[in-house]
Protein backbone atom coordinates (compact mmCIF):
# COMPACT_ATOMS: atom_id res chain seq x y z
CA MET A 1 216.25 172.82 -24.26
CA LYS A 2 212.55 173.74 -23.78
CA GLU A 3 213.20 177.13 -25.38
CA ILE A 4 214.73 175.45 -28.45
CA ASP A 5 211.79 173.04 -28.66
CA ARG A 6 209.36 175.96 -28.51
CA LEU A 7 211.16 177.94 -31.20
CA VAL A 8 211.42 174.97 -33.56
CA GLN A 9 207.63 174.67 -33.34
CA ILE A 10 207.21 178.10 -34.92
CA LYS A 11 204.67 177.67 -37.66
CA SER A 12 205.53 178.17 -41.28
CA ASN A 13 204.79 181.68 -42.45
CA ASN A 14 201.88 180.23 -44.49
CA LEU A 15 203.04 181.75 -47.76
CA GLU A 16 202.31 179.48 -50.69
CA PRO A 17 205.27 178.13 -52.63
CA ARG A 18 205.38 179.26 -56.24
CA ARG A 19 207.78 179.81 -59.09
CA GLY A 20 210.35 182.45 -58.17
CA ARG A 21 210.05 182.06 -54.39
CA LEU A 22 212.63 180.65 -52.00
CA LEU A 23 212.37 177.71 -49.64
CA ILE A 24 214.51 178.11 -46.53
CA SER A 25 215.14 174.94 -44.53
CA GLU A 26 214.46 174.70 -40.81
CA PRO A 27 217.63 174.75 -38.69
CA PHE A 28 217.91 171.07 -37.78
CA MET A 29 217.37 169.45 -41.15
CA GLY A 30 220.43 167.20 -41.26
CA ASP A 31 220.28 166.17 -44.91
CA TYR A 32 223.43 166.74 -47.02
CA TYR A 33 221.48 168.48 -49.77
CA PHE A 34 218.97 170.41 -47.70
CA GLY A 35 220.59 171.11 -44.32
CA ARG A 36 220.57 174.90 -43.89
CA SER A 37 219.76 175.29 -47.55
CA VAL A 38 218.06 177.91 -49.69
CA VAL A 39 216.15 176.55 -52.69
CA LEU A 40 214.98 178.72 -55.57
CA LEU A 41 211.74 177.30 -56.99
CA ALA A 42 211.81 177.26 -60.78
CA GLU A 43 208.34 175.67 -60.96
CA HIS A 44 205.47 174.79 -58.64
CA ASN A 45 202.12 173.39 -59.73
CA GLU A 46 199.67 170.60 -58.90
CA GLU A 47 201.99 168.02 -60.47
CA GLY A 48 204.95 168.93 -58.27
CA SER A 49 207.81 171.36 -57.78
CA PHE A 50 211.42 171.74 -58.79
CA GLY A 51 214.26 174.16 -58.23
CA VAL A 52 217.91 174.39 -57.23
CA VAL A 53 219.80 174.76 -53.96
CA LEU A 54 221.55 178.13 -54.16
CA ASN A 55 224.03 177.89 -51.30
CA LYS A 56 225.92 174.59 -51.70
CA ILE A 57 229.07 174.88 -53.77
CA ILE A 58 231.33 172.21 -55.23
CA HIS A 59 234.89 173.43 -55.18
CA GLU A 60 235.56 172.42 -58.76
CA PRO A 61 235.71 174.75 -61.76
CA ILE A 62 232.76 174.44 -64.11
CA ASN A 63 235.07 173.33 -66.95
CA ALA A 64 236.11 170.25 -64.95
CA VAL A 65 232.48 169.14 -64.85
CA LEU A 66 230.83 170.51 -67.98
CA LYS A 67 232.96 169.41 -70.90
CA GLY A 68 232.89 171.46 -74.08
CA LEU A 69 232.29 174.76 -72.30
CA PRO A 70 234.78 177.50 -73.22
CA PRO A 71 237.10 178.49 -70.34
CA PHE A 72 234.92 180.16 -67.72
CA ASP A 73 235.97 181.29 -64.24
CA SER A 74 233.10 179.83 -62.25
CA LYS A 75 232.48 177.10 -59.69
CA ILE A 76 229.58 174.69 -59.89
CA TYR A 77 226.83 174.28 -57.29
CA VAL A 78 224.89 171.32 -55.92
CA GLY A 79 221.37 171.85 -57.25
CA GLY A 80 219.87 168.88 -55.45
CA PRO A 81 219.63 165.10 -55.32
CA VAL A 82 217.68 164.56 -58.56
CA ASP A 83 219.39 163.86 -61.91
CA THR A 84 222.91 164.43 -60.57
CA SER A 85 224.47 163.37 -63.87
CA SER A 86 223.04 166.50 -65.54
CA THR A 87 223.95 170.17 -65.40
CA PHE A 88 221.41 172.99 -65.11
CA TYR A 89 221.73 176.75 -64.94
CA ILE A 90 219.90 179.89 -63.90
CA HIS A 91 220.75 183.32 -65.21
CA THR A 92 219.66 186.95 -65.53
CA LEU A 93 219.99 187.30 -69.31
CA GLY A 94 216.43 186.48 -70.35
CA ASP A 95 215.83 186.43 -74.08
CA LYS A 96 219.56 186.69 -74.78
CA ILE A 97 219.60 182.93 -74.15
CA GLU A 98 217.00 181.44 -76.47
CA GLY A 99 214.68 178.90 -74.90
CA SER A 100 215.00 180.29 -71.36
CA MET A 101 212.07 179.88 -68.99
CA THR A 102 211.11 182.87 -66.85
CA ILE A 103 211.34 182.19 -63.12
CA GLY A 104 210.48 185.79 -62.22
CA ASN A 105 212.08 188.95 -60.86
CA GLY A 106 214.86 188.94 -63.46
CA LEU A 107 215.77 185.25 -63.10
CA TYR A 108 215.59 182.59 -65.83
CA TRP A 109 216.03 178.82 -66.08
CA GLY A 110 218.08 177.14 -68.80
CA GLY A 111 218.05 177.87 -72.49
CA ASP A 112 220.25 177.03 -75.45
CA ILE A 113 223.69 175.91 -74.22
CA GLU A 114 225.24 176.89 -77.57
CA VAL A 115 224.19 180.49 -76.93
CA VAL A 116 225.70 180.25 -73.43
CA LYS A 117 229.01 179.11 -74.97
CA GLU A 118 228.94 182.00 -77.44
CA LEU A 119 228.25 184.53 -74.66
CA ILE A 120 231.18 183.14 -72.68
CA ILE A 121 233.48 183.59 -75.67
CA LEU A 122 232.18 187.17 -76.08
CA ASN A 123 232.80 187.87 -72.34
CA GLN A 124 229.11 188.61 -71.79
CA LEU A 125 228.69 186.07 -68.99
CA ASN A 126 230.12 186.20 -65.48
CA THR A 127 229.34 184.73 -62.06
CA SER A 128 226.92 187.54 -61.24
CA ASN A 129 224.61 186.71 -64.17
CA ILE A 130 224.77 182.89 -64.45
CA ARG A 131 225.12 179.98 -62.03
CA PHE A 132 225.59 176.30 -62.94
CA PHE A 133 224.26 173.36 -60.91
CA ILE A 134 224.69 169.60 -60.82
CA GLY A 135 221.29 168.01 -60.24
CA TYR A 136 218.13 169.69 -59.06
CA SER A 137 215.64 169.50 -56.20
CA GLY A 138 212.27 167.97 -56.96
CA TRP A 139 209.01 167.17 -55.17
CA GLY A 140 206.09 165.09 -56.41
CA ALA A 141 202.46 166.19 -56.23
CA ASN A 142 201.62 167.35 -52.67
CA GLN A 143 205.04 166.31 -51.34
CA LEU A 144 206.21 169.88 -50.74
CA LYS A 145 202.83 170.76 -49.23
CA GLU A 146 203.32 168.01 -46.64
CA GLU A 147 206.87 169.17 -45.87
CA LEU A 148 205.58 172.71 -45.33
CA LYS A 149 202.94 171.38 -42.90
CA ARG A 150 205.77 169.75 -40.91
CA ASN A 151 207.60 173.11 -40.88
CA SER A 152 210.56 171.67 -42.77
CA TRP A 153 210.61 174.85 -44.88
CA ILE A 154 209.51 178.43 -44.76
CA VAL A 155 208.71 180.36 -47.90
CA ASN A 156 210.44 183.65 -48.68
CA PRO A 157 208.92 185.74 -51.48
CA ASN A 158 211.63 188.40 -51.53
CA VAL A 159 213.92 187.19 -54.27
CA ASP A 160 215.28 188.83 -57.38
CA LYS A 161 218.36 188.53 -59.54
CA SER A 162 220.57 190.02 -56.80
CA ILE A 163 220.37 186.61 -55.06
CA LEU A 164 223.18 185.50 -57.42
CA GLN A 165 225.48 188.06 -55.80
CA MET A 166 224.69 187.17 -52.18
CA PRO A 167 227.60 185.41 -50.40
CA ILE A 168 226.57 181.77 -50.09
CA GLU A 169 228.22 181.26 -46.69
CA GLN A 170 225.76 183.68 -45.07
CA MET A 171 222.76 183.26 -47.39
CA TRP A 172 220.66 180.98 -45.16
CA LYS A 173 221.28 183.08 -42.05
CA ASN A 174 220.85 186.46 -43.76
CA LEU A 175 217.56 185.46 -45.40
CA LEU A 176 216.16 184.23 -42.08
CA ASN A 177 217.25 187.44 -40.37
CA SER A 178 215.54 189.48 -43.09
CA MET A 179 212.23 187.78 -42.27
CA GLY A 180 211.94 189.25 -38.79
CA ARG A 181 212.62 188.46 -35.16
CA ILE A 182 210.92 185.06 -35.00
CA TYR A 183 212.96 183.59 -37.85
CA SER A 184 216.15 185.30 -36.73
CA PHE A 185 216.02 182.90 -33.75
CA TRP A 186 216.32 180.01 -36.20
CA SER A 187 219.51 181.51 -37.63
CA LYS A 188 221.14 181.39 -34.18
CA PHE A 189 220.50 177.70 -33.48
CA PRO A 190 223.65 175.58 -33.34
CA LEU A 191 223.97 172.74 -35.82
CA ASP A 192 223.81 170.34 -32.92
CA PRO A 193 221.24 171.53 -30.31
CA THR A 194 222.84 169.38 -27.60
CA MET A 195 225.90 171.65 -27.82
CA ASN A 196 223.88 174.63 -26.56
């Protein structure tokens, strides 16, 4: 148990959060939304931060949740605990979807839903270039900074549009492993440390 305690105390990697970076949760965060989660930050500034959890899926087709969307073979994801009555999306299509906000590295937030519908009808959208979310993750001013000080998250800067093609079941573990030996220890922790 002492070894687990020591490894959990590993300091954050001290990278600053910013738009287009990932937040990877520490291994024992037990929250439904954030336990073993990967959050893509769509914005980070002095007023706060927001983004979406990339690796929590709802096993419902998007058309069962987002009414008025043409038939589209996609699931919907849990974006976070804020505004769970609304749907959000990230994509790789940039200016093709008018009103999109650049996240960085080929990823975009939102845009005109009517254009999204048209692109679905034209078969120009698929699950590798758009992902839909219910709710989002949000932090008030300095809230994320305090969570980083408590080592609740580590920041990963290595994200691009290929993140939409990464298998979600292994995303948390694979991203930790890609950050080197210290963080690969985190990926091996059991969900319940008393079971070790």
